[in-house]
């Protein structure tokens, strides 16, 4: 389950990859890494375009 605050943190990268965008800071270009900063435990998301 993705919490609303986590979705807000990763939405821009999910949308960019979903519409064919790439991220030049990764070799493959089809990968994004986001962090959702929580009060107690931050969560890191690895988002890949398959």
PDB file of N, CA and C in Angstrom:
ATOM      1  N   UNK A   1       0.845  -1.176   0.000  1.00  0.00           N
ATOM      2  CA  UNK A   1       0.000   0.000   0.000  1.00  0.00           C
ATOM      3  C   UNK A   1       0.893   1.243   0.000  1.00  0.00           C
ATOM      4  N   UNK A   2       0.638   2.133  -0.906  1.00  0.00           N
ATOM      5  CA  UNK A   2       1.399   3.386  -0.976  1.00  0.00           C
ATOM      6  C   UNK A   2       0.580   4.482  -0.306  1.00  0.00           C
ATOM      7  N   UNK A   3       1.167   5.114   0.678  1.00  0.00           N
ATOM      8  CA  UNK A   3       0.488   6.183   1.393  1.00  0.00           C
ATOM      9  C   UNK A   3       0.438   7.442   0.544  1.00  0.00           C
ATOM     10  N   UNK A   4      -0.538   8.305   0.764  1.00  0.00           N
ATOM     11  CA  UNK A   4      -0.645   9.532  -0.041  1.00  0.00           C
ATOM     12  C   UNK A   4       0.623  10.384  -0.034  1.00  0.00           C
ATOM     13  N   UNK A   5       1.291  10.480   1.094  1.00  0.00           N
ATOM     14  CA  UNK A   5       2.509  11.302   1.133  1.00  0.00           C
ATOM     15  C   UNK A   5       3.624  10.660   0.310  1.00  0.00           C
ATOM     16  N   UNK A   6       3.690   9.336   0.304  1.00  0.00           N
ATOM     17  CA  UNK A   6       4.689   8.648  -0.514  1.00  0.00           C
ATOM     18  C   UNK A   6       4.370   8.829  -1.989  1.00  0.00           C
ATOM     19  N   UNK A   7       3.107   8.739  -2.338  1.00  0.00           N
ATOM     20  CA  UNK A   7       2.715   8.925  -3.738  1.00  0.00           C
ATOM     21  C   UNK A   7       3.069  10.330  -4.226  1.00  0.00           C
ATOM     22  N   UNK A   8       2.871  11.335  -3.375  1.00  0.00           N
ATOM     23  CA  UNK A   8       3.246  12.706  -3.746  1.00  0.00           C
ATOM     24  C   UNK A   8       4.746  12.807  -3.996  1.00  0.00           C
ATOM     25  N   UNK A   9       5.533  12.056  -3.252  1.00  0.00           N
ATOM     26  CA  UNK A   9       6.987  12.126  -3.390  1.00  0.00           C
ATOM     27  C   UNK A   9       7.475  11.465  -4.679  1.00  0.00           C
ATOM     28  N   UNK A  10       6.799  10.409  -5.148  1.00  0.00           N
ATOM     29  CA  UNK A  10       7.292   9.675  -6.312  1.00  0.00           C
ATOM     30  C   UNK A  10       6.506   9.950  -7.592  1.00  0.00           C
ATOM     31  N   UNK A  11       5.390  10.666  -7.495  1.00  0.00           N
ATOM     32  CA  UNK A  11       4.489  10.845  -8.629  1.00  0.00           C
ATOM     33  C   UNK A  11       5.180  11.444  -9.851  1.00  0.00           C
ATOM     34  N   UNK A  12       5.984  12.470  -9.667  1.00  0.00           N
ATOM     35  CA  UNK A  12       6.599  13.136 -10.826  1.00  0.00           C
ATOM     36  C   UNK A  12       7.512  12.192 -11.608  1.00  0.00           C
ATOM     37  N   UNK A  13       8.246  11.314 -10.924  1.00  0.00           N
ATOM     38  CA  UNK A  13       9.109  10.366 -11.632  1.00  0.00           C
ATOM     39  C   UNK A  13       8.310   9.235 -12.260  1.00  0.00           C
ATOM     40  N   UNK A  14       7.259   8.773 -11.602  1.00  0.00           N
ATOM     41  CA  UNK A  14       6.407   7.735 -12.183  1.00  0.00           C
ATOM     42  C   UNK A  14       5.763   8.256 -13.467  1.00  0.00           C
ATOM     43  N   UNK A  15       5.265   9.476 -13.418  1.00  0.00           N
ATOM     44  CA  UNK A  15       4.620  10.070 -14.586  1.00  0.00           C
ATOM     45  C   UNK A  15       5.630  10.270 -15.723  1.00  0.00           C
ATOM     46  N   UNK A  16       6.809  10.771 -15.416  1.00  0.00           N
ATOM     47  CA  UNK A  16       7.829  10.996 -16.446  1.00  0.00           C
ATOM     48  C   UNK A  16       8.228   9.682 -17.117  1.00  0.00           C
ATOM     49  N   UNK A  17       8.481   8.648 -16.346  1.00  0.00           N
ATOM     50  CA  UNK A  17       8.860   7.365 -16.929  1.00  0.00           C
ATOM     51  C   UNK A  17       7.699   6.745 -17.696  1.00  0.00           C
ATOM     52  N   UNK A  18       6.484   6.909 -17.202  1.00  0.00           N
ATOM     53  CA  UNK A  18       5.309   6.361 -17.865  1.00  0.00           C
ATOM     54  C   UNK A  18       5.050   6.972 -19.226  1.00  0.00           C
ATOM     55  N   UNK A  19       5.410   8.228 -19.410  1.00  0.00           N
ATOM     56  CA  UNK A  19       5.210   8.901 -20.689  1.00  0.00           C
ATOM     57  C   UNK A  19       6.454   8.875 -21.580  1.00  0.00           C
ATOM     58  N   UNK A  20       7.408   8.009 -21.245  1.00  0.00           N
ATOM     59  CA  UNK A  20       8.573   7.832 -22.115  1.00  0.00           C
ATOM     60  C   UNK A  20       9.769   8.677 -21.774  1.00  0.00           C
ATOM     61  N   UNK A  21       9.714   9.408 -20.698  1.00  0.00           N
ATOM     62  CA  UNK A  21      10.855  10.226 -20.301  1.00  0.00           C
ATOM     63  C   UNK A  21      11.993   9.370 -19.772  1.00  0.00           C
ATOM     64  N   UNK A  22      13.164   9.943 -19.733  1.00  0.00           N
ATOM     65  CA  UNK A  22      14.329   9.252 -19.188  1.00  0.00           C
ATOM     66  C   UNK A  22      15.004  10.159 -18.169  1.00  0.00           C
ATOM     67  N   UNK A  23      15.839   9.555 -17.357  1.00  0.00           N
ATOM     68  CA  UNK A  23      16.595  10.308 -16.362  1.00  0.00           C
ATOM     69  C   UNK A  23      18.073  10.158 -16.685  1.00  0.00           C
ATOM     70  N   UNK A  24      18.727  11.216 -17.091  1.00  0.00           N
ATOM     71  CA  UNK A  24      20.109  11.125 -17.566  1.00  0.00           C
ATOM     72  C   UNK A  24      21.127  10.763 -16.489  1.00  0.00           C
ATOM     73  N   UNK A  25      20.766  10.839 -15.218  1.00  0.00           N
ATOM     74  CA  UNK A  25      21.731  10.535 -14.177  1.00  0.00           C
ATOM     75  C   UNK A  25      21.835   9.044 -13.891  1.00  0.00           C
ATOM     76  N   UNK A  26      21.101   8.206 -14.620  1.00  0.00           N
ATOM     77  CA  UNK A  26      21.256   6.752 -14.544  1.00  0.00           C
ATOM     78  C   UNK A  26      21.645   6.252 -15.922  1.00  0.00           C
ATOM     79  N   UNK A  27      22.518   5.244 -15.985  1.00  0.00           N
ATOM     80  CA  UNK A  27      23.025   4.748 -17.264  1.00  0.00           C
ATOM     81  C   UNK A  27      21.912   4.288 -18.197  1.00  0.00           C
ATOM     82  N   UNK A  28      20.956   3.521 -17.668  1.00  0.00           N
ATOM     83  CA  UNK A  28      19.899   2.976 -18.506  1.00  0.00           C
ATOM     84  C   UNK A  28      18.895   4.046 -18.909  1.00  0.00           C
ATOM     85  N   UNK A  29      18.691   5.044 -18.075  1.00  0.00           N
ATOM     86  CA  UNK A  29      17.726   6.084 -18.354  1.00  0.00           C
ATOM     87  C   UNK A  29      16.309   5.712 -17.979  1.00  0.00           C
ATOM     88  N   UNK A  30      16.055   4.442 -17.668  1.00  0.00           N
ATOM     89  CA  UNK A  30      14.705   4.002 -17.334  1.00  0.00           C
ATOM     90  C   UNK A  30      14.558   3.709 -15.842  1.00  0.00           C
ATOM     91  N   UNK A  31      15.301   4.416 -15.045  1.00  0.00           N
ATOM     92  CA  UNK A  31      15.333   4.171 -13.611  1.00  0.00           C
ATOM     93  C   UNK A  31      15.277   5.494 -12.864  1.00  0.00           C
ATOM     94  N   UNK A  32      14.551   5.500 -11.767  1.00  0.00           N
ATOM     95  CA  UNK A  32      14.507   6.684 -10.904  1.00  0.00           C
ATOM     96  C   UNK A  32      14.547   6.223  -9.454  1.00  0.00           C
ATOM     97  N   UNK A  33      15.182   6.990  -8.613  1.00  0.00           N
ATOM     98  CA  UNK A  33      15.240   6.699  -7.191  1.00  0.00           C
ATOM     99  C   UNK A  33      14.682   7.906  -6.453  1.00  0.00           C
ATOM    100  N   UNK A  34      13.684   7.659  -5.600  1.00  0.00           N
ATOM    101  CA  UNK A  34      13.052   8.717  -4.824  1.00  0.00           C
ATOM    102  C   UNK A  34      13.064   8.361  -3.354  1.00  0.00           C
ATOM    103  N   UNK A  35      13.013   9.378  -2.526  1.00  0.00           N
ATOM    104  CA  UNK A  35      12.938   9.174  -1.087  1.00  0.00           C
ATOM    105  C   UNK A  35      11.717   9.905  -0.544  1.00  0.00           C
ATOM    106  N   UNK A  36      10.936   9.197   0.233  1.00  0.00           N
ATOM    107  CA  UNK A  36       9.804   9.790   0.930  1.00  0.00           C
ATOM    108  C   UNK A  36      10.252  10.023   2.365  1.00  0.00           C
ATOM    109  N   UNK A  37      10.364  11.261   2.739  1.00  0.00           N
ATOM    110  CA  UNK A  37      10.857  11.562   4.074  1.00  0.00           C
ATOM    111  C   UNK A  37       9.719  11.479   5.080  1.00  0.00           C
ATOM    112  N   UNK A  38       9.793  10.496   5.928  1.00  0.00           N
ATOM    113  CA  UNK A  38       8.813  10.342   6.985  1.00  0.00           C
ATOM    114  C   UNK A  38       9.377  10.887   8.278  1.00  0.00           C
ATOM    115  N   UNK A  39       8.526  11.065   9.258  1.00  0.00           N
ATOM    116  CA  UNK A  39       9.003  11.591  10.535  1.00  0.00           C
ATOM    117  C   UNK A  39       9.903  10.598  11.251  1.00  0.00           C
ATOM    118  N   UNK A  40       9.537   9.320  11.191  1.00  0.00           N
ATOM    119  CA  UNK A  40      10.310   8.325  11.919  1.00  0.00           C
ATOM    120  C   UNK A  40      11.195   7.475  11.012  1.00  0.00           C
ATOM    121  N   UNK A  41      10.668   7.086   9.844  1.00  0.00           N
ATOM    122  CA  UNK A  41      11.412   6.204   8.955  1.00  0.00           C
ATOM    123  C   UNK A  41      11.303   6.675   7.513  1.00  0.00           C
ATOM    124  N   UNK A  42      12.365   7.203   6.928  1.00  0.00           N
ATOM    125  CA  UNK A  42      12.312   7.544   5.505  1.00  0.00           C
ATOM    126  C   UNK A  42      12.291   6.256   4.676  1.00  0.00           C
ATOM    127  N   UNK A  43      11.640   6.313   3.527  1.00  0.00           N
ATOM    128  CA  UNK A  43      11.519   5.161   2.638  1.00  0.00           C
ATOM    129  C   UNK A  43      12.100   5.530   1.289  1.00  0.00           C
ATOM    130  N   UNK A  44      12.925   4.649   0.730  1.00  0.00           N
ATOM    131  CA  UNK A  44      13.540   4.879  -0.573  1.00  0.00           C
ATOM    132  C   UNK A  44      12.832   3.989  -1.587  1.00  0.00           C
ATOM    133  N   UNK A  45      12.419   4.584  -2.720  1.00  0.00           N
ATOM    134  CA  UNK A  45      11.742   3.866  -3.780  1.00  0.00           C
ATOM    135  C   UNK A  45      12.642   3.785  -4.996  1.00  0.00           C
ATOM    136  N   UNK A  46      12.761   2.589  -5.559  1.00  0.00           N
ATOM    137  CA  UNK A  46      13.450   2.392  -6.827  1.00  0.00           C
ATOM    138  C   UNK A  46      12.352   2.173  -7.866  1.00  0.00           C
ATOM    139  N   UNK A  47      12.274   3.072  -8.842  1.00  0.00           N
ATOM    140  CA  UNK A  47      11.210   3.045  -9.833  1.00  0.00           C
ATOM    141  C   UNK A  47      11.862   2.698 -11.173  1.00  0.00           C
ATOM    142  N   UNK A  48      11.399   1.605 -11.791  1.00  0.00           N
ATOM    143  CA  UNK A  48      11.949   1.164 -13.068  1.00  0.00           C
ATOM    144  C   UNK A  48      10.858   1.076 -14.116  1.00  0.00           C
ATOM    145  N   UNK A  49      11.187   1.500 -15.319  1.00  0.00           N
ATOM    146  CA  UNK A  49      10.287   1.341 -16.452  1.00  0.00           C
ATOM    147  C   UNK A  49      10.569  -0.023 -17.060  1.00  0.00           C
ATOM    148  N   UNK A  50       9.548  -0.861 -17.129  1.00  0.00           N
ATOM    149  CA  UNK A  50       9.739  -2.223 -17.658  1.00  0.00           C
ATOM    150  C   UNK A  50       9.388  -2.306 -19.118  1.00  0.00           C
TER     151      UNK A  50
END
